[in-house]
Amino acid sequence: MDLQYITNQQGEAVFVVLPIETYRRLIDEDDNQWTDIAVESNEFDDTAIPNDVVGIMADKDVSQIAAWRIYRGLTQAQAAQQADISQAALSQIERKDSQPQAQTREIFAKIYNCLPEQLAG
């Protein structure tokens, strides 16, 4: 594909000129190239998560509660000790498919200095 880049004064590409057919394909909502993704909403949809925590989740492929622990600079052993549970129990809580109970979220919210709602999911 023949693309033309338009740069700023620093030489960084800021725009691209592309063939009109490519542009039309990109904006065509009826185009079958795009797939809808099913989304399940829940009561935590409007809860903000710090960008750094989300980055840890993506970079390290960990759950939200594990990302908070890493964000706060704690090892599993340290967080488990503060929660008065075993490291093995915390490991289970931090599994990506785990949905921590409200009481568990409250305990770790105090340890991680965040809201319990920020530990769901």
C-alpha atoms as a PDB file:
ATOM      1  CA  MET A   1       0.000   0.000   0.000  1.00  0.00           C
ATOM      2  CA  ASP A   2       1.319   3.424  -0.914  1.00  0.00           C
ATOM      3  CA  LEU A   3       1.126   5.781   2.094  1.00  0.00           C
ATOM      4  CA  GLN A   4       2.320   9.349   2.339  1.00  0.00           C
ATOM      5  CA  TYR A   5       3.355  10.680   5.758  1.00  0.00           C
ATOM      6  CA  ILE A   6       3.107  14.313   6.790  1.00  0.00           C
ATOM      7  CA  THR A   7       5.592  15.281   9.469  1.00  0.00           C
ATOM      8  CA  ASN A   8       5.881  18.129  11.960  1.00  0.00           C
ATOM      9  CA  GLN A   9       8.930  20.396  12.325  1.00  0.00           C
ATOM     10  CA  GLN A  10      10.674  17.761  14.449  1.00  0.00           C
ATOM     11  CA  GLY A  11      10.294  15.189  11.675  1.00  0.00           C
ATOM     12  CA  GLU A  12       7.695  13.117  13.558  1.00  0.00           C
ATOM     13  CA  ALA A  13       4.878  11.633  11.477  1.00  0.00           C
ATOM     14  CA  VAL A  14       1.616  13.337  12.498  1.00  0.00           C
ATOM     15  CA  PHE A  15      -0.677  12.513   9.556  1.00  0.00           C
ATOM     16  CA  VAL A  16      -0.895   9.881   6.887  1.00  0.00           C
ATOM     17  CA  VAL A  17      -2.458  10.090   3.445  1.00  0.00           C
ATOM     18  CA  LEU A  18      -3.910   6.789   2.310  1.00  0.00           C
ATOM     19  CA  PRO A  19      -5.884   5.573  -0.686  1.00  0.00           C
ATOM     20  CA  ILE A  20      -9.562   6.516  -0.544  1.00  0.00           C
ATOM     21  CA  GLU A  21     -10.683   2.873  -0.793  1.00  0.00           C
ATOM     22  CA  THR A  22      -8.635   2.017   2.295  1.00  0.00           C
ATOM     23  CA  TYR A  23     -10.159   4.958   4.132  1.00  0.00           C
ATOM     24  CA  ARG A  24     -13.689   3.939   3.109  1.00  0.00           C
ATOM     25  CA  ARG A  25     -13.039   0.398   4.296  1.00  0.00           C
ATOM     26  CA  LEU A  26     -11.802   1.703   7.661  1.00  0.00           C
ATOM     27  CA  ILE A  27     -14.891   3.822   8.306  1.00  0.00           C
ATOM     28  CA  ASP A  28     -17.455   1.385   6.865  1.00  0.00           C
ATOM     29  CA  GLU A  29     -19.462   0.153   9.851  1.00  0.00           C
ATOM     30  CA  ASP A  30     -21.066  -2.558   7.722  1.00  0.00           C
ATOM     31  CA  ASP A  31     -17.689  -4.009   6.808  1.00  0.00           C
ATOM     32  CA  ASN A  32     -17.421  -7.617   8.000  1.00  0.00           C
ATOM     33  CA  GLN A  33     -13.791  -7.172   9.057  1.00  0.00           C
ATOM     34  CA  TRP A  34     -14.859  -6.030  12.520  1.00  0.00           C
ATOM     35  CA  THR A  35     -16.157  -8.416  15.164  1.00  0.00           C
ATOM     36  CA  ASP A  36     -18.342  -7.426  18.084  1.00  0.00           C
ATOM     37  CA  ILE A  37     -17.008  -8.487  21.455  1.00  0.00           C
ATOM     38  CA  ALA A  38     -19.466  -9.589  24.103  1.00  0.00           C
ATOM     39  CA  VAL A  39     -19.245  -7.533  27.270  1.00  0.00           C
ATOM     40  CA  GLU A  40     -20.707  -8.436  30.625  1.00  0.00           C
ATOM     41  CA  SER A  41     -21.463  -5.375  32.690  1.00  0.00           C
ATOM     42  CA  ASN A  42     -21.414  -5.390  36.473  1.00  0.00           C
ATOM     43  CA  GLU A  43     -21.652  -2.989  39.396  1.00  0.00           C
ATOM     44  CA  PHE A  44     -17.955  -2.081  39.093  1.00  0.00           C
ATOM     45  CA  ASP A  45     -18.099  -0.653  35.562  1.00  0.00           C
ATOM     46  CA  ASP A  46     -17.744   2.951  36.737  1.00  0.00           C
ATOM     47  CA  THR A  47     -14.809   2.270  39.096  1.00  0.00           C
ATOM     48  CA  ALA A  48     -11.584   3.992  38.067  1.00  0.00           C
ATOM     49  CA  ILE A  49      -8.325   2.056  38.201  1.00  0.00           C
ATOM     50  CA  PRO A  50      -4.974   3.903  38.117  1.00  0.00           C
ATOM     51  CA  ASN A  51      -3.221   3.676  34.778  1.00  0.00           C
ATOM     52  CA  ASP A  52      -0.142   2.142  36.426  1.00  0.00           C
ATOM     53  CA  VAL A  53      -2.235  -0.709  37.849  1.00  0.00           C
ATOM     54  CA  VAL A  54      -3.800  -1.392  34.454  1.00  0.00           C
ATOM     55  CA  GLY A  55      -0.326  -1.352  32.921  1.00  0.00           C
ATOM     56  CA  ILE A  56       0.885  -3.945  35.424  1.00  0.00           C
ATOM     57  CA  MET A  57      -2.130  -6.124  34.641  1.00  0.00           C
ATOM     58  CA  ALA A  58      -1.303  -6.002  30.935  1.00  0.00           C
ATOM     59  CA  ASP A  59       2.486  -6.237  31.191  1.00  0.00           C
ATOM     60  CA  LYS A  60       2.628  -9.011  33.769  1.00  0.00           C
ATOM     61  CA  ASP A  61      -0.634 -10.770  32.770  1.00  0.00           C
ATOM     62  CA  VAL A  62      -1.959 -10.750  36.352  1.00  0.00           C
ATOM     63  CA  SER A  63      -5.305 -10.145  38.018  1.00  0.00           C
ATOM     64  CA  GLN A  64      -6.396  -6.751  39.269  1.00  0.00           C
ATOM     65  CA  ILE A  65      -5.781  -7.626  42.916  1.00  0.00           C
ATOM     66  CA  ALA A  66      -2.298  -8.962  42.097  1.00  0.00           C
ATOM     67  CA  ALA A  67      -1.536  -5.810  40.117  1.00  0.00           C
ATOM     68  CA  TRP A  68      -2.431  -3.669  43.142  1.00  0.00           C
ATOM     69  CA  ARG A  69      -0.050  -5.710  45.312  1.00  0.00           C
ATOM     70  CA  ILE A  70       2.754  -5.243  42.802  1.00  0.00           C
ATOM     71  CA  TYR A  71       1.873  -1.551  42.441  1.00  0.00           C
ATOM     72  CA  ARG A  72       2.239  -1.119  46.208  1.00  0.00           C
ATOM     73  CA  GLY A  73       5.613  -2.915  46.139  1.00  0.00           C
ATOM     74  CA  LEU A  74       4.612  -5.931  48.246  1.00  0.00           C
ATOM     75  CA  THR A  75       5.512  -9.573  47.788  1.00  0.00           C
ATOM     76  CA  GLN A  76       2.828 -12.229  48.135  1.00  0.00           C
ATOM     77  CA  ALA A  77       4.365 -13.246  51.451  1.00  0.00           C
ATOM     78  CA  GLN A  78       4.224  -9.688  52.807  1.00  0.00           C
ATOM     79  CA  ALA A  79       0.622  -9.095  51.681  1.00  0.00           C
ATOM     80  CA  ALA A  80      -0.487 -12.494  52.994  1.00  0.00           C
ATOM     81  CA  GLN A  81       1.110 -11.787  56.378  1.00  0.00           C
ATOM     82  CA  GLN A  82      -0.667  -8.415  56.611  1.00  0.00           C
ATOM     83  CA  ALA A  83      -3.976 -10.106  55.731  1.00  0.00           C
ATOM     84  CA  ASP A  84      -3.276 -12.913  58.215  1.00  0.00           C
ATOM     85  CA  ILE A  85      -3.660 -15.630  55.574  1.00  0.00           C
ATOM     86  CA  SER A  86      -1.238 -18.068  53.977  1.00  0.00           C
ATOM     87  CA  GLN A  87       0.685 -17.211  50.848  1.00  0.00           C
ATOM     88  CA  ALA A  88      -1.047 -20.154  49.144  1.00  0.00           C
ATOM     89  CA  ALA A  89      -4.443 -18.623  49.973  1.00  0.00           C
ATOM     90  CA  LEU A  90      -3.357 -15.293  48.510  1.00  0.00           C
ATOM     91  CA  SER A  91      -2.104 -17.072  45.426  1.00  0.00           C
ATOM     92  CA  GLN A  92      -5.617 -18.497  44.939  1.00  0.00           C
ATOM     93  CA  ILE A  93      -7.201 -15.071  45.491  1.00  0.00           C
ATOM     94  CA  GLU A  94      -4.866 -13.564  42.879  1.00  0.00           C
ATOM     95  CA  ARG A  95      -5.723 -16.080  40.146  1.00  0.00           C
ATOM     96  CA  LYS A  96      -6.951 -14.277  37.028  1.00  0.00           C
ATOM     97  CA  ASP A  97     -10.287 -16.125  37.054  1.00  0.00           C
ATOM     98  CA  SER A  98     -10.881 -15.442  40.756  1.00  0.00           C
ATOM     99  CA  GLN A  99     -13.660 -13.105  41.906  1.00  0.00           C
ATOM    100  CA  PRO A 100     -12.697 -12.071  45.459  1.00  0.00           C
ATOM    101  CA  GLN A 101     -15.573 -11.813  47.915  1.00  0.00           C
ATOM    102  CA  ALA A 102     -16.549  -8.425  49.343  1.00  0.00           C
ATOM    103  CA  GLN A 103     -14.915  -9.166  52.712  1.00  0.00           C
ATOM    104  CA  THR A 104     -11.661 -10.166  51.004  1.00  0.00           C
ATOM    105  CA  ARG A 105     -11.706  -6.999  48.888  1.00  0.00           C
ATOM    106  CA  GLU A 106     -12.209  -4.906  52.042  1.00  0.00           C
ATOM    107  CA  ILE A 107      -9.220  -6.507  53.765  1.00  0.00           C
ATOM    108  CA  PHE A 108      -6.903  -5.950  50.812  1.00  0.00           C
ATOM    109  CA  ALA A 109      -8.254  -2.465  50.111  1.00  0.00           C
ATOM    110  CA  LYS A 110      -6.945  -1.443  53.538  1.00  0.00           C
ATOM    111  CA  ILE A 111      -3.583  -3.086  52.854  1.00  0.00           C
ATOM    112  CA  TYR A 112      -3.259  -1.593  49.350  1.00  0.00           C
ATOM    113  CA  ASN A 113      -4.765   1.785  50.302  1.00  0.00           C
ATOM    114  CA  CYS A 114      -7.490   1.706  47.663  1.00  0.00           C
ATOM    115  CA  LEU A 115     -11.233   1.179  47.408  1.00  0.00           C
ATOM    116  CA  PRO A 116     -12.677  -2.347  47.653  1.00  0.00           C
ATOM    117  CA  GLU A 117     -14.402  -1.730  44.290  1.00  0.00           C
ATOM    118  CA  GLN A 118     -10.973  -1.252  42.705  1.00  0.00           C
ATOM    119  CA  LEU A 119     -10.082  -4.859  43.549  1.00  0.00           C
ATOM    120  CA  ALA A 120     -12.979  -6.525  41.740  1.00  0.00           C
ATOM    121  CA  GLY A 121     -12.451  -8.239  38.447  1.00  0.00           C
END
